[in-house]
C-alpha atoms as a PDB file:
ATOM      1  CA  MET A   1       0.165  -0.157  -0.225  1.00  0.00           C
ATOM      2  CA  THR A   2       1.139   3.272  -1.124  1.00  0.00           C
ATOM      3  CA  ASP A   3       1.837   5.764   2.392  1.00  0.00           C
ATOM      4  CA  PRO A   4       0.272   9.037   1.511  1.00  0.00           C
ATOM      5  CA  ARG A   5       2.496  11.056   2.977  1.00  0.00           C
ATOM      6  CA  HIS A   6       5.670   9.592   0.412  1.00  0.00           C
ATOM      7  CA  THR A   7       3.204  10.742  -2.344  1.00  0.00           C
ATOM      8  CA  LEU A   8       2.959  14.030  -1.316  1.00  0.00           C
ATOM      9  CA  GLY A   9       6.718  14.473  -0.778  1.00  0.00           C
ATOM     10  CA  GLN A  10       7.328  12.983  -4.299  1.00  0.00           C
ATOM     11  CA  HIS A  11       4.676  15.713  -5.754  1.00  0.00           C
ATOM     12  CA  GLY A  12       6.263  18.587  -3.834  1.00  0.00           C
ATOM     13  CA  GLU A  13      10.092  17.821  -4.786  1.00  0.00           C
ATOM     14  CA  ALA A  14       8.466  17.172  -8.477  1.00  0.00           C
ATOM     15  CA  PHE A  15       6.839  20.555  -8.057  1.00  0.00           C
ATOM     16  CA  VAL A  16      10.167  21.819  -7.083  1.00  0.00           C
ATOM     17  CA  ALA A  17      12.304  20.122 -10.072  1.00  0.00           C
ATOM     18  CA  GLN A  18       9.894  21.914 -12.398  1.00  0.00           C
ATOM     19  CA  HIS A  19      10.130  25.336 -10.209  1.00  0.00           C
ATOM     20  CA  LEU A  20      14.021  24.830 -10.892  1.00  0.00           C
ATOM     21  CA  GLU A  21      14.481  23.989 -14.502  1.00  0.00           C
ATOM     22  CA  ALA A  22      12.267  27.151 -15.655  1.00  0.00           C
ATOM     23  CA  ALA A  23      14.923  29.323 -13.125  1.00  0.00           C
ATOM     24  CA  GLY A  24      17.149  27.996 -15.498  1.00  0.00           C
ATOM     25  CA  TYR A  25      18.971  25.191 -13.544  1.00  0.00           C
ATOM     26  CA  VAL A  26      19.789  21.809 -14.552  1.00  0.00           C
ATOM     27  CA  ILE A  27      18.024  18.376 -12.446  1.00  0.00           C
ATOM     28  CA  LEU A  28      21.937  16.560 -12.062  1.00  0.00           C
ATOM     29  CA  ASP A  29      20.318  14.089  -9.416  1.00  0.00           C
ATOM     30  CA  ARG A  30      17.148  12.910  -7.448  1.00  0.00           C
ATOM     31  CA  ASN A  31      16.614  11.551  -3.995  1.00  0.00           C
ATOM     32  CA  TRP A  32      20.263  11.020  -3.902  1.00  0.00           C
ATOM     33  CA  ARG A  33      21.695   8.405  -1.222  1.00  0.00           C
ATOM     34  CA  HIS A  34      24.601   7.673   0.457  1.00  0.00           C
ATOM     35  CA  GLY A  35      24.849   5.366   3.505  1.00  0.00           C
ATOM     36  CA  LYS A  36      23.299   5.626   6.452  1.00  0.00           C
ATOM     37  CA  HIS A  37      23.119   9.274   6.249  1.00  0.00           C
ATOM     38  CA  GLY A  38      19.990   9.867   4.252  1.00  0.00           C
ATOM     39  CA  GLU A  39      19.286  11.467   0.997  1.00  0.00           C
ATOM     40  CA  ILE A  40      19.666  14.588  -0.863  1.00  0.00           C
ATOM     41  CA  ASP A  41      16.372  15.259  -2.219  1.00  0.00           C
ATOM     42  CA  LEU A  42      16.958  17.645  -5.439  1.00  0.00           C
ATOM     43  CA  ILE A  43      20.951  18.455  -6.692  1.00  0.00           C
ATOM     44  CA  ALA A  44      20.516  21.175  -9.604  1.00  0.00           C
ATOM     45  CA  ARG A  45      23.008  23.365 -11.272  1.00  0.00           C
ATOM     46  CA  ARG A  46      22.568  26.558 -12.907  1.00  0.00           C
ATOM     47  CA  GLU A  47      26.460  28.096 -14.648  1.00  0.00           C
ATOM     48  CA  ASN A  48      29.097  28.149 -11.511  1.00  0.00           C
ATOM     49  CA  GLU A  49      26.546  27.170  -9.317  1.00  0.00           C
ATOM     50  CA  ILE A  50      25.496  23.927  -7.150  1.00  0.00           C
ATOM     51  CA  ALA A  51      22.044  23.641  -5.323  1.00  0.00           C
ATOM     52  CA  PHE A  52      21.286  20.953  -2.932  1.00  0.00           C
ATOM     53  CA  VAL A  53      17.568  21.522  -1.895  1.00  0.00           C
ATOM     54  CA  GLU A  54      15.643  19.901   1.210  1.00  0.00           C
ATOM     55  CA  VAL A  55      11.962  19.987  -0.205  1.00  0.00           C
ATOM     56  CA  ARG A  56       9.392  20.193   2.563  1.00  0.00           C
ATOM     57  CA  THR A  57       6.059  19.568   1.234  1.00  0.00           C
ATOM     58  CA  ARG A  58       3.081  20.050   3.574  1.00  0.00           C
ATOM     59  CA  ARG A  59      -0.729  20.464   3.388  1.00  0.00           C
ATOM     60  CA  GLY A  60      -2.544  23.933   4.189  1.00  0.00           C
ATOM     61  CA  PRO A  61      -1.722  27.776   3.866  1.00  0.00           C
ATOM     62  CA  LEU A  62       2.122  28.345   2.095  1.00  0.00           C
ATOM     63  CA  GLN A  63       3.145  30.174   5.617  1.00  0.00           C
ATOM     64  CA  ALA A  64       1.924  27.217   7.646  1.00  0.00           C
ATOM     65  CA  ALA A  65       3.902  24.972   4.951  1.00  0.00           C
ATOM     66  CA  VAL A  66       6.949  27.855   5.358  1.00  0.00           C
ATOM     67  CA  ASP A  67       7.022  27.403   9.285  1.00  0.00           C
ATOM     68  CA  ALA A  68       6.933  23.633   9.121  1.00  0.00           C
ATOM     69  CA  ALA A  69       9.559  23.617   6.670  1.00  0.00           C
ATOM     70  CA  ILE A  70      11.924  25.677   8.795  1.00  0.00           C
ATOM     71  CA  SER A  71      11.143  24.316  12.386  1.00  0.00           C
ATOM     72  CA  SER A  72      11.985  20.647  10.410  1.00  0.00           C
ATOM     73  CA  VAL A  73      15.475  21.126   9.163  1.00  0.00           C
ATOM     74  CA  THR A  74      16.891  20.382  12.926  1.00  0.00           C
ATOM     75  CA  PRO A  75      20.388  20.950  13.652  1.00  0.00           C
ATOM     76  CA  ASP A  76      20.906  17.465  13.410  1.00  0.00           C
ATOM     77  CA  LYS A  77      19.123  17.274   9.824  1.00  0.00           C
ATOM     78  CA  GLN A  78      21.677  20.442   9.258  1.00  0.00           C
ATOM     79  CA  ARG A  79      24.921  18.192   9.797  1.00  0.00           C
ATOM     80  CA  ARG A  80      23.183  15.067   7.984  1.00  0.00           C
ATOM     81  CA  LEU A  81      22.661  17.773   4.962  1.00  0.00           C
ATOM     82  CA  LEU A  82      26.357  19.030   4.940  1.00  0.00           C
ATOM     83  CA  THR A  83      28.025  15.429   5.701  1.00  0.00           C
ATOM     84  CA  LEU A  84      25.589  14.391   2.188  1.00  0.00           C
ATOM     85  CA  VAL A  85      26.549  17.201   0.623  1.00  0.00           C
ATOM     86  CA  GLN A  86      30.406  16.816   1.036  1.00  0.00           C
ATOM     87  CA  ALA A  87      29.952  12.865  -0.138  1.00  0.00           C
ATOM     88  CA  TYR A  88      28.437  14.129  -3.343  1.00  0.00           C
ATOM     89  CA  ARG A  89      30.980  17.009  -3.643  1.00  0.00           C
ATOM     90  CA  ASP A  90      33.697  14.281  -3.267  1.00  0.00           C
ATOM     91  CA  ALA A  91      31.905  12.070  -5.556  1.00  0.00           C
ATOM     92  CA  HIS A  92      31.387  14.285  -8.443  1.00  0.00           C
ATOM     93  CA  ARG A  93      34.836  16.092  -7.470  1.00  0.00           C
ATOM     94  CA  LEU A  94      32.694  19.418  -7.803  1.00  0.00           C
ATOM     95  CA  ASP A  95      35.582  21.126  -5.453  1.00  0.00           C
ATOM     96  CA  GLY A  96      35.427  24.537  -8.220  1.00  0.00           C
ATOM     97  CA  LEU A  97      32.010  25.376  -7.900  1.00  0.00           C
ATOM     98  CA  HIS A  98      29.764  27.833  -5.209  1.00  0.00           C
ATOM     99  CA  TRP A  99      27.214  25.651  -3.676  1.00  0.00           C
ATOM    100  CA  ARG A 100      24.737  25.919  -1.200  1.00  0.00           C
ATOM    101  CA  ILE A 101      22.110  24.412   0.566  1.00  0.00           C
ATOM    102  CA  ASP A 102      18.524  25.246   0.231  1.00  0.00           C
ATOM    103  CA  VAL A 103      15.139  24.630   1.518  1.00  0.00           C
ATOM    104  CA  ALA A 104      12.390  24.423  -0.391  1.00  0.00           C
ATOM    105  CA  ALA A 105       8.890  24.586   1.323  1.00  0.00           C
ATOM    106  CA  VAL A 106       6.020  23.346  -1.024  1.00  0.00           C
ATOM    107  CA  ALA A 107       2.027  24.133   0.179  1.00  0.00           C
ATOM    108  CA  VAL A 108      -0.593  22.081  -1.012  1.00  0.00           C
ATOM    109  CA  GLN A 109      -4.294  23.164  -1.028  1.00  0.00           C
ATOM    110  CA  GLY A 110      -6.298  20.926  -2.929  1.00  0.00           C
ATOM    111  CA  THR A 111      -4.568  20.810  -6.466  1.00  0.00           C
ATOM    112  CA  THR A 112      -2.782  23.891  -5.824  1.00  0.00           C
ATOM    113  CA  PHE A 113       1.118  23.612  -5.795  1.00  0.00           C
ATOM    114  CA  VAL A 114       2.977  26.417  -4.507  1.00  0.00           C
ATOM    115  CA  VAL A 115       6.757  26.954  -3.366  1.00  0.00           C
ATOM    116  CA  GLU A 116       8.731  29.667  -1.288  1.00  0.00           C
ATOM    117  CA  ILE A 117      13.199  28.344  -1.503  1.00  0.00           C
ATOM    118  CA  MET A 118      14.783  29.653   1.609  1.00  0.00           C
ATOM    119  CA  TYR A 119      18.262  30.067  -0.212  1.00  0.00           C
ATOM    120  CA  ASP A 120      21.360  29.751   2.020  1.00  0.00           C
ATOM    121  CA  ALA A 121      19.172  28.253   4.375  1.00  0.00           C
ATOM    122  CA  VAL A 122      21.802  25.700   6.245  1.00  0.00           C
ATOM    123  CA  GLU A 123      25.073  27.646   7.625  1.00  0.00           C
ATOM    124  CA  TRP A 124      28.090  25.934   6.320  1.00  0.00           C
END
């Protein structure tokens, strides 16, 4: 049986990927996993910059989704994201490129999706 939260999350990630592509990014990877540390939802490149994007999808108004997204990226999650980003950069030899970690908050009301991306949301 399909988990409705997982399905909602997949739709949110696809929506953010489309949003990034419309802004001129190329999606390099989706759901990139590295051992027990977890996964990076989206990895996108535009020119000489790589964006590692954590997507958080919630039902309800945008502000509630943004608040939930921000509060869900705990210090422990930030450490795991930094570990994953370093592993990805090492595996793909991306030392010369600027990079950042963004958090994308997706709000879903009915069939309408809205996204707000918080750039450089995780300090490194």
